[in-house]
Amino acid sequence: MEYGKPEMMAAAIIRQIEDGDIVFHGLASSTPMVAMKAAKAMGKEFTYLTLSDGVDHDWTRAPYVASTLTENTYTGSVATFGLDEIFDLYCSGKGDIAFLSCLQMDKEGRIAMSYLGGDYERPKLRGPGGAGSATLPPVTKKTTIWKTTHDKKTFIEHVDFATTSPPLDKEMTVITPLCIFKKPVGEKYLKVAYIFPFTTLEEVKENTGWEIDQMEVPVMNPPTEEELTALKKVDPNNILHFEFK
């Protein structure tokens, strides 16, 4: 079965989830939304939380728009759980994974979500700011950042304003269309953990705004037939490809 960058990223997200996990994604998160529905289709037993306030919604309902703040991520929920309660849950140490994104990221894993260019009062681009991006990384057991672009404008040497910085005592994972970065516990900088089958380490270096001194990294296995079948089953409207257009 054929696959591309969207399917590879979704497979990488699916592989982050383990049975028993409590997992959250927020707004404008069509890629993790489809991946998490597919993980449910594969039989993974985890608790699925979203910003729509639903807990374990009916994942068999195919998404029809890219928004993740609709009845599609609420209908059939076993409970209602507000964002304030999600923050409380994760701050109490009971949340396992938070899937978040960013406007920019630097080599220390610091996330820019507040603004780009100019200064705080007069930015070139005003972002959504803190919320989950500021609250969750310091308290979540495993933070996974996903970004559907990988270029030197996105992954830069040093962000001008860090909305949040990853704690040294927790691992961070970053999934891009080309590779997976990881910042292991106790280490300051991101390292390339895997490249994807359709790219090279040289391409990753050419599209990253900081120097990567690694000479060799493993290649992640391509999506399995089970993963691709599950993605197709839960996403007949091809919402997974929305962010890659």
Protein backbone atom coordinates (compact mmCIF):
# COMPACT_ATOMS: atom_id res chain seq x y z
CA MET A 1 0.00 0.00 0.00
CA GLU A 2 1.41 3.40 -0.97
CA TYR A 3 2.20 6.06 1.61
CA GLY A 4 3.69 9.56 1.80
CA LYS A 5 4.73 12.08 4.42
CA PRO A 6 1.25 12.38 5.99
CA GLU A 7 0.96 8.63 6.53
CA MET A 8 4.53 8.38 7.83
CA MET A 9 3.94 11.13 10.37
CA ALA A 10 0.64 9.57 11.44
CA ALA A 11 2.32 6.18 11.88
CA ALA A 12 5.03 7.80 14.00
CA ILE A 13 2.33 9.37 16.18
CA ILE A 14 0.47 6.06 16.52
CA ARG A 15 3.68 4.42 17.71
CA GLN A 16 3.99 6.93 20.55
CA ILE A 17 0.78 5.66 22.15
CA GLU A 18 0.76 2.70 24.51
CA ASP A 19 -2.09 0.83 26.16
CA GLY A 20 -3.25 2.60 29.31
CA ASP A 21 -2.03 6.05 28.25
CA ILE A 22 -4.01 9.24 28.77
CA VAL A 23 -3.47 11.26 25.59
CA PHE A 24 -4.43 14.82 24.62
CA HIS A 25 -4.35 16.98 21.51
CA GLY A 26 -5.63 20.52 21.13
CA LEU A 27 -6.92 22.82 18.42
CA ALA A 28 -6.03 22.67 14.72
CA SER A 29 -4.64 19.17 15.19
CA SER A 30 -5.94 17.21 12.23
CA THR A 31 -2.80 15.07 11.93
CA PRO A 32 -2.82 13.70 15.50
CA MET A 33 -6.64 13.51 15.40
CA VAL A 34 -6.60 11.08 12.48
CA ALA A 35 -3.64 9.19 13.97
CA MET A 36 -5.38 8.78 17.33
CA LYS A 37 -8.59 7.56 15.68
CA ALA A 38 -6.47 5.05 13.75
CA ALA A 39 -4.77 3.93 16.96
CA LYS A 40 -8.23 3.21 18.37
CA ALA A 41 -9.10 1.28 15.20
CA MET A 42 -5.98 -0.83 15.74
CA GLY A 43 -7.27 -1.81 19.18
CA LYS A 44 -5.00 0.33 21.34
CA GLU A 45 -6.61 0.89 24.73
CA PHE A 46 -5.99 4.49 25.76
CA THR A 47 -7.98 7.48 26.98
CA TYR A 48 -8.47 10.09 24.25
CA LEU A 49 -8.90 13.72 25.38
CA THR A 50 -9.42 16.74 23.14
CA LEU A 51 -10.21 20.43 23.45
CA SER A 52 -13.82 19.70 22.44
CA ASP A 53 -14.27 18.52 26.07
CA GLY A 54 -15.13 14.95 25.08
CA VAL A 55 -13.53 11.88 26.63
CA ASP A 56 -13.17 8.87 24.33
CA HIS A 57 -15.59 10.11 21.68
CA ASP A 58 -16.94 7.75 19.04
CA TRP A 59 -13.75 7.32 16.98
CA THR A 60 -15.64 5.44 14.24
CA ARG A 61 -17.22 8.72 13.13
CA ALA A 62 -15.03 9.86 10.23
CA PRO A 63 -13.80 13.48 10.40
CA TYR A 64 -15.33 15.65 7.70
CA VAL A 65 -13.40 18.87 8.39
CA ALA A 66 -9.86 19.52 9.62
CA SER A 67 -11.09 21.34 12.74
CA THR A 68 -10.66 19.43 15.98
CA LEU A 69 -13.18 21.59 17.84
CA THR A 70 -16.36 20.07 16.43
CA GLU A 71 -18.97 17.51 17.36
CA ASN A 72 -16.86 14.93 15.56
CA THR A 73 -14.46 14.85 18.51
CA TYR A 74 -17.30 15.01 21.03
CA THR A 75 -20.27 12.92 19.90
CA GLY A 76 -20.40 9.58 21.68
CA SER A 77 -18.08 10.70 24.49
CA VAL A 78 -18.25 8.74 27.72
CA ALA A 79 -17.77 11.94 29.75
CA THR A 80 -17.27 15.69 29.47
CA PHE A 81 -13.92 17.03 30.60
CA GLY A 82 -13.10 20.73 30.22
CA LEU A 83 -9.73 22.25 29.40
CA ASP A 84 -9.28 23.47 32.96
CA GLU A 85 -9.80 19.91 34.15
CA ILE A 86 -7.34 18.61 31.55
CA PHE A 87 -4.74 21.05 32.85
CA ASP A 88 -5.44 19.92 36.41
CA LEU A 89 -5.15 16.28 35.37
CA TYR A 90 -1.77 16.79 33.71
CA CYS A 91 -0.46 19.07 36.47
CA SER A 92 -1.25 16.27 38.94
CA GLY A 93 1.04 13.97 36.95
CA LYS A 94 -1.72 11.73 35.55
CA GLY A 95 -1.48 12.71 31.87
CA ASP A 96 0.86 10.60 29.76
CA ILE A 97 1.17 12.27 26.33
CA ALA A 98 0.35 15.72 25.00
CA PHE A 99 0.48 16.18 21.22
CA LEU A 100 1.26 19.85 20.58
CA SER A 101 2.56 21.94 17.69
CA CYS A 102 4.47 25.19 17.31
CA LEU A 103 5.20 28.16 15.07
CA GLN A 104 8.96 27.77 15.53
CA MET A 105 11.33 25.65 17.58
CA ASP A 106 15.03 25.96 18.36
CA LYS A 107 17.73 23.39 19.05
CA GLU A 108 16.96 23.43 22.79
CA GLY A 109 13.36 22.45 22.07
CA ARG A 110 12.04 25.86 23.07
CA ILE A 111 8.69 26.58 21.45
CA ALA A 112 7.59 29.87 19.93
CA MET A 113 3.81 30.21 19.89
CA SER A 114 3.37 33.86 20.93
CA TYR A 115 4.77 35.85 18.02
CA LEU A 116 7.27 35.84 15.15
CA GLY A 117 9.32 38.84 14.03
CA GLY A 118 9.33 42.35 15.46
CA ASP A 119 8.81 42.45 19.21
CA TYR A 120 6.13 41.39 21.65
CA GLU A 121 4.17 44.63 21.35
CA ARG A 122 4.51 44.99 17.56
CA PRO A 123 5.08 41.55 16.04
CA LYS A 124 5.04 40.65 12.39
CA LEU A 125 2.87 37.66 13.27
CA ARG A 126 0.84 37.26 16.45
CA GLY A 127 0.37 33.63 17.47
CA PRO A 128 -2.14 31.98 19.77
CA GLY A 129 0.16 32.27 22.77
CA GLY A 130 0.54 29.93 25.71
CA ALA A 131 -2.41 27.80 26.87
CA GLY A 132 -1.52 24.13 26.37
CA SER A 133 1.86 24.87 24.83
CA ALA A 134 2.96 26.72 27.97
CA THR A 135 1.16 24.61 30.55
CA LEU A 136 1.64 21.02 29.44
CA PRO A 137 5.33 20.43 28.50
CA PRO A 138 6.65 21.07 32.04
CA VAL A 139 4.19 18.63 33.64
CA THR A 140 3.51 15.98 30.97
CA LYS A 141 5.33 12.66 31.13
CA LYS A 142 5.92 12.61 27.35
CA THR A 143 5.52 15.72 25.21
CA THR A 144 5.36 15.12 21.46
CA ILE A 145 5.56 18.08 19.13
CA TRP A 146 4.35 17.55 15.57
CA LYS A 147 4.97 19.98 12.73
CA THR A 148 4.02 19.31 9.11
CA THR A 149 6.73 21.58 7.71
CA HIS A 150 10.47 21.10 8.12
CA ASP A 151 12.57 24.05 6.97
CA LYS A 152 15.03 26.62 8.29
CA LYS A 153 12.24 29.11 9.00
CA THR A 154 10.58 26.65 11.37
CA PHE A 155 13.52 24.91 13.03
CA ILE A 156 15.88 27.73 13.91
CA GLU A 157 19.02 28.24 16.00
CA HIS A 158 17.36 30.41 18.65
CA VAL A 159 13.74 31.55 19.04
CA ASP A 160 13.22 35.26 19.77
CA PHE A 161 10.56 34.58 22.40
CA ALA A 162 10.06 31.19 24.02
CA THR A 163 6.45 30.53 24.92
CA THR A 164 7.72 27.48 26.81
CA SER A 165 10.94 25.59 27.41
CA PRO A 166 11.10 21.82 27.88
CA PRO A 167 12.17 20.62 31.33
CA LEU A 168 15.46 18.76 31.61
CA ASP A 169 13.88 15.92 33.59
CA LYS A 170 11.45 14.90 30.85
CA GLU A 171 11.92 13.55 27.34
CA MET A 172 10.65 15.52 24.35
CA THR A 173 9.87 14.05 20.93
CA VAL A 174 9.48 16.12 17.76
CA ILE A 175 7.90 14.57 14.66
CA THR A 176 8.39 16.31 11.30
CA PRO A 177 7.82 15.24 7.66
CA LEU A 178 11.50 14.23 7.45
CA CYS A 179 12.55 12.84 10.80
CA ILE A 180 12.07 12.45 14.51
CA PHE A 181 14.07 14.58 16.92
CA LYS A 182 14.42 13.64 20.57
CA LYS A 183 15.75 15.50 23.58
CA PRO A 184 16.60 12.79 26.09
CA VAL A 185 16.21 13.33 29.82
CA GLY A 186 19.05 15.46 31.15
CA GLU A 187 20.27 16.64 27.76
CA LYS A 188 20.06 20.24 26.55
CA TYR A 189 19.77 19.84 22.78
CA LEU A 190 17.60 17.96 20.31
CA LYS A 191 19.18 15.09 18.42
CA VAL A 192 17.98 13.29 15.30
CA ALA A 193 16.62 9.97 16.57
CA TYR A 194 15.32 8.61 13.24
CA ILE A 195 15.03 9.67 9.64
CA PHE A 196 12.15 8.50 7.49
CA PRO A 197 12.59 6.00 4.65
CA PHE A 198 12.14 8.57 1.86
CA THR A 199 14.76 11.05 3.06
CA THR A 200 18.41 11.27 4.11
CA LEU A 201 20.29 12.71 7.04
CA GLU A 202 21.81 15.21 4.61
CA GLU A 203 18.35 16.48 3.63
CA VAL A 204 17.46 16.88 7.31
CA LYS A 205 20.64 18.89 7.88
CA GLU A 206 19.97 21.09 4.85
CA ASN A 207 16.50 21.95 6.13
CA THR A 208 17.35 22.55 9.80
CA GLY A 209 18.50 25.93 11.09
CA TRP A 210 21.06 24.62 13.54
CA GLU A 211 24.15 22.50 12.96
CA ILE A 212 23.63 18.76 13.21
CA ASP A 213 26.92 16.95 13.79
CA GLN A 214 25.56 13.41 13.68
CA MET A 215 26.98 11.26 10.90
CA GLU A 216 24.58 8.33 11.02
CA VAL A 217 21.10 7.71 12.42
CA PRO A 218 18.65 4.81 12.09
CA VAL A 219 15.83 4.79 9.56
CA MET A 220 12.33 4.36 10.99
CA ASN A 221 10.32 1.51 9.57
CA PRO A 222 7.68 2.60 7.04
CA PRO A 223 3.99 2.43 7.96
CA THR A 224 2.76 -1.13 8.31
CA GLU A 225 -0.17 -2.50 6.37
CA GLU A 226 -2.14 -2.50 9.62
CA GLU A 227 -1.39 1.19 10.23
CA LEU A 228 -2.23 2.20 6.65
CA THR A 229 -5.45 0.18 6.70
CA ALA A 230 -6.51 1.78 9.99
CA LEU A 231 -5.75 5.29 8.67
CA LYS A 232 -7.82 4.64 5.56
CA LYS A 233 -10.65 3.18 7.61
CA VAL A 234 -11.04 6.16 9.94
CA ASP A 235 -10.29 8.86 7.35
CA PRO A 236 -12.27 8.27 4.13
CA ASN A 237 -12.39 12.04 3.54
CA ASN A 238 -8.59 12.31 3.52
CA ILE A 239 -8.44 14.91 6.29
CA LEU A 240 -4.94 13.66 7.12
CA HIS A 241 -3.60 15.39 4.01
CA PHE A 242 -5.15 18.78 4.87
CA GLU A 243 -2.05 20.25 6.52
CA PHE A 244 0.23 19.10 3.73
CA LYS A 245 -1.46 20.98 0.87
